[in-house]
Amino acid sequence: MIKHVFRIRDMHCTMCCMTIDGALEDLPGVEAANSSFVRAQTEVTYDPSTVSLEALLDAIRQAGYEPFLPG
């Protein structure tokens, strides 16, 4: 398992966090997702042999938010 942090645009409340976390945790290979609207980020623990980075990004986009990698 590895952890990855994504910055998220347009996350404003706890419901936004729950939506993103639920979308990510529905993916096979995702152990946990922990979003914070205060920090505008999501930390995901996942198995890279089961789920790709692109699949994680797509799940966030499909939930209605725009992810980007910090840096």
PDB file of N, CA and C in Angstrom:
ATOM      1  N   MET A   1       0.850  -1.190   0.000  1.00  0.00           N
ATOM      2  CA  MET A   1       0.000   0.000   0.000  1.00  0.00           C
ATOM      3  C   MET A   1       0.892   1.250   0.000  1.00  0.00           C
ATOM      4  N   ILE A   2       0.444   2.233  -0.731  1.00  0.00           N
ATOM      5  CA  ILE A   2       1.127   3.523  -0.712  1.00  0.00           C
ATOM      6  C   ILE A   2       0.101   4.622  -0.459  1.00  0.00           C
ATOM      7  N   LYS A   3       0.615   5.773  -0.029  1.00  0.00           N
ATOM      8  CA  LYS A   3      -0.246   6.945   0.186  1.00  0.00           C
ATOM      9  C   LYS A   3       0.095   7.998  -0.849  1.00  0.00           C
ATOM     10  N   HIS A   4      -0.940   8.662  -1.302  1.00  0.00           N
ATOM     11  CA  HIS A   4      -0.761   9.744  -2.260  1.00  0.00           C
ATOM     12  C   HIS A   4      -1.677  10.898  -1.841  1.00  0.00           C
ATOM     13  N   VAL A   5      -1.178  12.105  -1.957  1.00  0.00           N
ATOM     14  CA  VAL A   5      -1.973  13.287  -1.619  1.00  0.00           C
ATOM     15  C   VAL A   5      -2.292  14.051  -2.900  1.00  0.00           C
ATOM     16  N   PHE A   6      -3.566  14.364  -3.058  1.00  0.00           N
ATOM     17  CA  PHE A   6      -4.023  15.182  -4.179  1.00  0.00           C
ATOM     18  C   PHE A   6      -4.587  16.482  -3.638  1.00  0.00           C
ATOM     19  N   ARG A   7      -4.302  17.566  -4.297  1.00  0.00           N
ATOM     20  CA  ARG A   7      -4.977  18.828  -4.011  1.00  0.00           C
ATOM     21  C   ARG A   7      -6.298  18.785  -4.780  1.00  0.00           C
ATOM     22  N   ILE A   8      -7.341  19.405  -4.224  1.00  0.00           N
ATOM     23  CA  ILE A   8      -8.665  19.377  -4.835  1.00  0.00           C
ATOM     24  C   ILE A   8      -9.214  20.796  -4.923  1.00  0.00           C
ATOM     25  N   ARG A   9      -9.639  21.176  -6.116  1.00  0.00           N
ATOM     26  CA  ARG A   9     -10.291  22.484  -6.297  1.00  0.00           C
ATOM     27  C   ARG A   9     -11.787  22.338  -6.035  1.00  0.00           C
ATOM     28  N   ASP A  10     -12.396  23.396  -5.538  1.00  0.00           N
ATOM     29  CA  ASP A  10     -13.854  23.497  -5.366  1.00  0.00           C
ATOM     30  C   ASP A  10     -14.426  22.583  -4.288  1.00  0.00           C
ATOM     31  N   MET A  11     -13.633  22.225  -3.300  1.00  0.00           N
ATOM     32  CA  MET A  11     -14.131  21.441  -2.167  1.00  0.00           C
ATOM     33  C   MET A  11     -14.441  22.450  -1.055  1.00  0.00           C
ATOM     34  N   HIS A  12     -15.727  22.523  -0.619  1.00  0.00           N
ATOM     35  CA  HIS A  12     -16.139  23.579   0.291  1.00  0.00           C
ATOM     36  C   HIS A  12     -16.687  23.126   1.637  1.00  0.00           C
ATOM     37  N   CYS A  13     -17.005  21.836   1.777  1.00  0.00           N
ATOM     38  CA  CYS A  13     -17.695  21.414   2.997  1.00  0.00           C
ATOM     39  C   CYS A  13     -17.461  19.928   3.290  1.00  0.00           C
ATOM     40  N   THR A  14     -18.001  19.490   4.397  1.00  0.00           N
ATOM     41  CA  THR A  14     -17.874  18.093   4.800  1.00  0.00           C
ATOM     42  C   THR A  14     -18.530  17.165   3.789  1.00  0.00           C
ATOM     43  N   MET A  15     -19.638  17.563   3.215  1.00  0.00           N
ATOM     44  CA  MET A  15     -20.305  16.728   2.221  1.00  0.00           C
ATOM     45  C   MET A  15     -19.422  16.534   0.990  1.00  0.00           C
ATOM     46  N   CYS A  16     -18.689  17.563   0.604  1.00  0.00           N
ATOM     47  CA  CYS A  16     -17.734  17.421  -0.501  1.00  0.00           C
ATOM     48  C   CYS A  16     -16.714  16.335  -0.166  1.00  0.00           C
ATOM     49  N   CYS A  17     -16.196  16.374   1.043  1.00  0.00           N
ATOM     50  CA  CYS A  17     -15.212  15.383   1.490  1.00  0.00           C
ATOM     51  C   CYS A  17     -15.797  13.980   1.458  1.00  0.00           C
ATOM     52  N   MET A  18     -17.010  13.843   1.950  1.00  0.00           N
ATOM     53  CA  MET A  18     -17.656  12.533   1.981  1.00  0.00           C
ATOM     54  C   MET A  18     -17.897  12.001   0.567  1.00  0.00           C
ATOM     55  N   THR A  19     -18.241  12.882  -0.348  1.00  0.00           N
ATOM     56  CA  THR A  19     -18.471  12.492  -1.734  1.00  0.00           C
ATOM     57  C   THR A  19     -17.182  11.971  -2.362  1.00  0.00           C
ATOM     58  N   ILE A  20     -16.099  12.695  -2.182  1.00  0.00           N
ATOM     59  CA  ILE A  20     -14.808  12.296  -2.748  1.00  0.00           C
ATOM     60  C   ILE A  20     -14.323  11.004  -2.095  1.00  0.00           C
ATOM     61  N   ASP A  21     -14.377  10.940  -0.778  1.00  0.00           N
ATOM     62  CA  ASP A  21     -13.923   9.731  -0.070  1.00  0.00           C
ATOM     63  C   ASP A  21     -14.720   8.509  -0.515  1.00  0.00           C
ATOM     64  N   GLY A  22     -16.024   8.652  -0.651  1.00  0.00           N
ATOM     65  CA  GLY A  22     -16.857   7.536  -1.079  1.00  0.00           C
ATOM     66  C   GLY A  22     -16.528   7.077  -2.486  1.00  0.00           C
ATOM     67  N   ALA A  23     -16.311   8.031  -3.385  1.00  0.00           N
ATOM     68  CA  ALA A  23     -15.971   7.688  -4.770  1.00  0.00           C
ATOM     69  C   ALA A  23     -14.655   6.924  -4.836  1.00  0.00           C
ATOM     70  N   LEU A  24     -13.687   7.362  -4.054  1.00  0.00           N
ATOM     71  CA  LEU A  24     -12.387   6.693  -4.049  1.00  0.00           C
ATOM     72  C   LEU A  24     -12.459   5.321  -3.379  1.00  0.00           C
ATOM     73  N   GLU A  25     -13.137   5.255  -2.258  1.00  0.00           N
ATOM     74  CA  GLU A  25     -13.195   4.000  -1.510  1.00  0.00           C
ATOM     75  C   GLU A  25     -14.030   2.938  -2.217  1.00  0.00           C
ATOM     76  N   ASP A  26     -14.817   3.309  -3.212  1.00  0.00           N
ATOM     77  CA  ASP A  26     -15.553   2.341  -4.020  1.00  0.00           C
ATOM     78  C   ASP A  26     -14.650   1.617  -5.022  1.00  0.00           C
ATOM     79  N   LEU A  27     -13.462   2.162  -5.258  1.00  0.00           N
ATOM     80  CA  LEU A  27     -12.546   1.537  -6.205  1.00  0.00           C
ATOM     81  C   LEU A  27     -11.838   0.342  -5.578  1.00  0.00           C
ATOM     82  N   PRO A  28     -11.764  -0.779  -6.290  1.00  0.00           N
ATOM     83  CA  PRO A  28     -10.984  -1.913  -5.786  1.00  0.00           C
ATOM     84  C   PRO A  28      -9.525  -1.484  -5.614  1.00  0.00           C
ATOM     85  N   GLY A  29      -8.925  -1.844  -4.521  1.00  0.00           N
ATOM     86  CA  GLY A  29      -7.529  -1.512  -4.265  1.00  0.00           C
ATOM     87  C   GLY A  29      -7.331  -0.291  -3.394  1.00  0.00           C
ATOM     88  N   VAL A  30      -8.413   0.472  -3.152  1.00  0.00           N
ATOM     89  CA  VAL A  30      -8.306   1.637  -2.276  1.00  0.00           C
ATOM     90  C   VAL A  30      -8.629   1.197  -0.851  1.00  0.00           C
ATOM     91  N   GLU A  31      -7.673   1.377   0.027  1.00  0.00           N
ATOM     92  CA  GLU A  31      -7.866   1.010   1.429  1.00  0.00           C
ATOM     93  C   GLU A  31      -8.591   2.106   2.197  1.00  0.00           C
ATOM     94  N   ALA A  32      -8.204   3.366   1.948  1.00  0.00           N
ATOM     95  CA  ALA A  32      -8.818   4.482   2.671  1.00  0.00           C
ATOM     96  C   ALA A  32      -8.614   5.784   1.909  1.00  0.00           C
ATOM     97  N   ALA A  33      -9.550   6.690   2.095  1.00  0.00           N
ATOM     98  CA  ALA A  33      -9.442   8.053   1.568  1.00  0.00           C
ATOM     99  C   ALA A  33      -9.831   9.001   2.687  1.00  0.00           C
ATOM    100  N   ASN A  34      -9.059  10.050   2.846  1.00  0.00           N
ATOM    101  CA  ASN A  34      -9.309  11.014   3.915  1.00  0.00           C
ATOM    102  C   ASN A  34      -9.181  12.420   3.329  1.00  0.00           C
ATOM    103  N   SER A  35     -10.314  13.069   3.127  1.00  0.00           N
ATOM    104  CA  SER A  35     -10.332  14.407   2.540  1.00  0.00           C
ATOM    105  C   SER A  35     -10.492  15.474   3.605  1.00  0.00           C
ATOM    106  N   SER A  36      -9.931  16.645   3.314  1.00  0.00           N
ATOM    107  CA  SER A  36     -10.063  17.802   4.187  1.00  0.00           C
ATOM    108  C   SER A  36     -10.372  19.022   3.333  1.00  0.00           C
ATOM    109  N   PHE A  37     -11.563  19.612   3.532  1.00  0.00           N
ATOM    110  CA  PHE A  37     -11.886  20.810   2.750  1.00  0.00           C
ATOM    111  C   PHE A  37     -11.085  22.010   3.244  1.00  0.00           C
ATOM    112  N   VAL A  38     -10.684  22.001   4.500  1.00  0.00           N
ATOM    113  CA  VAL A  38      -9.873  23.091   5.048  1.00  0.00           C
ATOM    114  C   VAL A  38      -8.511  23.133   4.353  1.00  0.00           C
ATOM    115  N   ARG A  39      -7.941  21.963   4.132  1.00  0.00           N
ATOM    116  CA  ARG A  39      -6.634  21.864   3.460  1.00  0.00           C
ATOM    117  C   ARG A  39      -6.766  21.745   1.939  1.00  0.00           C
ATOM    118  N   ALA A  40      -7.988  21.557   1.468  1.00  0.00           N
ATOM    119  CA  ALA A  40      -8.255  21.364   0.035  1.00  0.00           C
ATOM    120  C   ALA A  40      -7.424  20.210  -0.516  1.00  0.00           C
ATOM    121  N   GLN A  41      -7.453  19.081   0.210  1.00  0.00           N
ATOM    122  CA  GLN A  41      -6.687  17.933  -0.238  1.00  0.00           C
ATOM    123  C   GLN A  41      -7.339  16.617   0.168  1.00  0.00           C
ATOM    124  N   THR A  42      -6.914  15.563  -0.511  1.00  0.00           N
ATOM    125  CA  THR A  42      -7.351  14.206  -0.224  1.00  0.00           C
ATOM    126  C   THR A  42      -6.121  13.323  -0.126  1.00  0.00           C
ATOM    127  N   GLU A  43      -6.042  12.523   0.923  1.00  0.00           N
ATOM    128  CA  GLU A  43      -4.972  11.544   1.067  1.00  0.00           C
ATOM    129  C   GLU A  43      -5.575  10.165   0.835  1.00  0.00           C
ATOM    130  N   VAL A  44      -4.989   9.423  -0.099  1.00  0.00           N
ATOM    131  CA  VAL A  44      -5.514   8.115  -0.476  1.00  0.00           C
ATOM    132  C   VAL A  44      -4.463   7.047  -0.204  1.00  0.00           C
ATOM    133  N   THR A  45      -4.873   5.984   0.474  1.00  0.00           N
ATOM    134  CA  THR A  45      -4.024   4.815   0.674  1.00  0.00           C
ATOM    135  C   THR A  45      -4.544   3.734  -0.260  1.00  0.00           C
ATOM    136  N   TYR A  46      -3.671   3.243  -1.134  1.00  0.00           N
ATOM    137  CA  TYR A  46      -4.128   2.298  -2.153  1.00  0.00           C
ATOM    138  C   TYR A  46      -3.021   1.341  -2.577  1.00  0.00           C
ATOM    139  N   ASP A  47      -3.436   0.278  -3.258  1.00  0.00           N
ATOM    140  CA  ASP A  47      -2.530  -0.725  -3.796  1.00  0.00           C
ATOM    141  C   ASP A  47      -2.306  -0.412  -5.272  1.00  0.00           C
ATOM    142  N   PRO A  48      -1.106   0.062  -5.642  1.00  0.00           N
ATOM    143  CA  PRO A  48      -0.867   0.449  -7.034  1.00  0.00           C
ATOM    144  C   PRO A  48      -0.885  -0.724  -8.004  1.00  0.00           C
ATOM    145  N   SER A  49      -0.823  -1.955  -7.509  1.00  0.00           N
ATOM    146  CA  SER A  49      -0.915  -3.102  -8.406  1.00  0.00           C
ATOM    147  C   SER A  49      -2.373  -3.417  -8.756  1.00  0.00           C
ATOM    148  N   THR A  50      -3.308  -2.795  -8.032  1.00  0.00           N
ATOM    149  CA  THR A  50      -4.738  -3.028  -8.252  1.00  0.00           C
ATOM    150  C   THR A  50      -5.436  -1.842  -8.901  1.00  0.00           C
ATOM    151  N   VAL A  51      -5.050  -0.644  -8.506  1.00  0.00           N
ATOM    152  CA  VAL A  51      -5.706   0.565  -9.018  1.00  0.00           C
ATOM    153  C   VAL A  51      -4.634   1.569  -9.441  1.00  0.00           C
ATOM    154  N   SER A  52      -4.859   2.214 -10.575  1.00  0.00           N
ATOM    155  CA  SER A  52      -3.875   3.159 -11.115  1.00  0.00           C
ATOM    156  C   SER A  52      -4.102   4.572 -10.585  1.00  0.00           C
ATOM    157  N   LEU A  53      -3.078   5.363 -10.688  1.00  0.00           N
ATOM    158  CA  LEU A  53      -3.166   6.770 -10.313  1.00  0.00           C
ATOM    159  C   LEU A  53      -4.227   7.462 -11.170  1.00  0.00           C
ATOM    160  N   GLU A  54      -4.271   7.128 -12.437  1.00  0.00           N
ATOM    161  CA  GLU A  54      -5.259   7.735 -13.340  1.00  0.00           C
ATOM    162  C   GLU A  54      -6.689   7.366 -12.939  1.00  0.00           C
ATOM    163  N   ALA A  55      -6.900   6.139 -12.459  1.00  0.00           N
ATOM    164  CA  ALA A  55      -8.235   5.730 -12.004  1.00  0.00           C
ATOM    165  C   ALA A  55      -8.650   6.541 -10.780  1.00  0.00           C
ATOM    166  N   LEU A  56      -7.707   6.833  -9.903  1.00  0.00           N
ATOM    167  CA  LEU A  56      -8.008   7.669  -8.733  1.00  0.00           C
ATOM    168  C   LEU A  56      -8.409   9.073  -9.175  1.00  0.00           C
ATOM    169  N   LEU A  57      -7.636   9.642 -10.086  1.00  0.00           N
ATOM    170  CA  LEU A  57      -7.946  10.981 -10.595  1.00  0.00           C
ATOM    171  C   LEU A  57      -9.303  10.999 -11.287  1.00  0.00           C
ATOM    172  N   ASP A  58      -9.592   9.977 -12.075  1.00  0.00           N
ATOM    173  CA  ASP A  58     -10.878   9.897 -12.771  1.00  0.00           C
ATOM    174  C   ASP A  58     -12.043   9.812 -11.791  1.00  0.00           C
ATOM    175  N   ALA A  59     -11.879   9.040 -10.712  1.00  0.00           N
ATOM    176  CA  ALA A  59     -12.950   8.913  -9.708  1.00  0.00           C
ATOM    177  C   ALA A  59     -13.254  10.264  -9.077  1.00  0.00           C
ATOM    178  N   ILE A  60     -12.218  11.038  -8.804  1.00  0.00           N
ATOM    179  CA  ILE A  60     -12.410  12.373  -8.218  1.00  0.00           C
ATOM    180  C   ILE A  60     -13.119  13.279  -9.219  1.00  0.00           C
ATOM    181  N   ARG A  61     -12.705  13.221 -10.467  1.00  0.00           N
ATOM    182  CA  ARG A  61     -13.348  14.037 -11.513  1.00  0.00           C
ATOM    183  C   ARG A  61     -14.809  13.649 -11.688  1.00  0.00           C
ATOM    184  N   GLN A  62     -15.090  12.351 -11.704  1.00  0.00           N
ATOM    185  CA  GLN A  62     -16.465  11.891 -11.881  1.00  0.00           C
ATOM    186  C   GLN A  62     -17.346  12.287 -10.705  1.00  0.00           C
ATOM    187  N   ALA A  63     -16.736  12.505  -9.536  1.00  0.00           N
ATOM    188  CA  ALA A  63     -17.489  12.969  -8.368  1.00  0.00           C
ATOM    189  C   ALA A  63     -17.782  14.470  -8.470  1.00  0.00           C
ATOM    190  N   GLY A  64     -17.172  15.139  -9.463  1.00  0.00           N
ATOM    191  CA  GLY A  64     -17.462  16.553  -9.701  1.00  0.00           C
ATOM    192  C   GLY A  64     -16.410  17.530  -9.202  1.00  0.00           C
ATOM    193  N   TYR A  65     -15.187  17.036  -8.964  1.00  0.00           N
ATOM    194  CA  TYR A  65     -14.126  17.892  -8.429  1.00  0.00           C
ATOM    195  C   TYR A  65     -12.896  17.793  -9.314  1.00  0.00           C
ATOM    196  N   GLU A  66     -12.029  18.790  -9.217  1.00  0.00           N
ATOM    197  CA  GLU A  66     -10.836  18.824 -10.045  1.00  0.00           C
ATOM    198  C   GLU A  66      -9.586  18.565  -9.211  1.00  0.00           C
ATOM    199  N   PRO A  67      -8.997  17.363  -9.368  1.00  0.00           N
ATOM    200  CA  PRO A  67      -7.781  17.041  -8.625  1.00  0.00           C
ATOM    201  C   PRO A  67      -6.531  17.535  -9.351  1.00  0.00           C
ATOM    202  N   PHE A  68      -5.494  17.791  -8.598  1.00  0.00           N
ATOM    203  CA  PHE A  68      -4.191  18.057  -9.187  1.00  0.00           C
ATOM    204  C   PHE A  68      -3.134  17.643  -8.186  1.00  0.00           C
ATOM    205  N   LEU A  69      -1.967  17.302  -8.696  1.00  0.00           N
ATOM    206  CA  LEU A  69      -0.874  16.843  -7.841  1.00  0.00           C
ATOM    207  C   LEU A  69      -0.162  18.055  -7.266  1.00  0.00           C
ATOM    208  N   PRO A  70       0.110  18.025  -5.954  1.00  0.00           N
ATOM    209  CA  PRO A  70       0.825  19.162  -5.349  1.00  0.00           C
ATOM    210  C   PRO A  70       2.240  19.249  -5.901  1.00  0.00           C
ATOM    211  N   GLY A  71       2.750  20.455  -5.883  1.00  0.00           N
ATOM    212  CA  GLY A  71       4.130  20.581  -6.333  1.00  0.00           C
ATOM    213  C   GLY A  71       4.468  21.910  -6.867  1.00  0.00           C
TER     214      GLY A  71
END
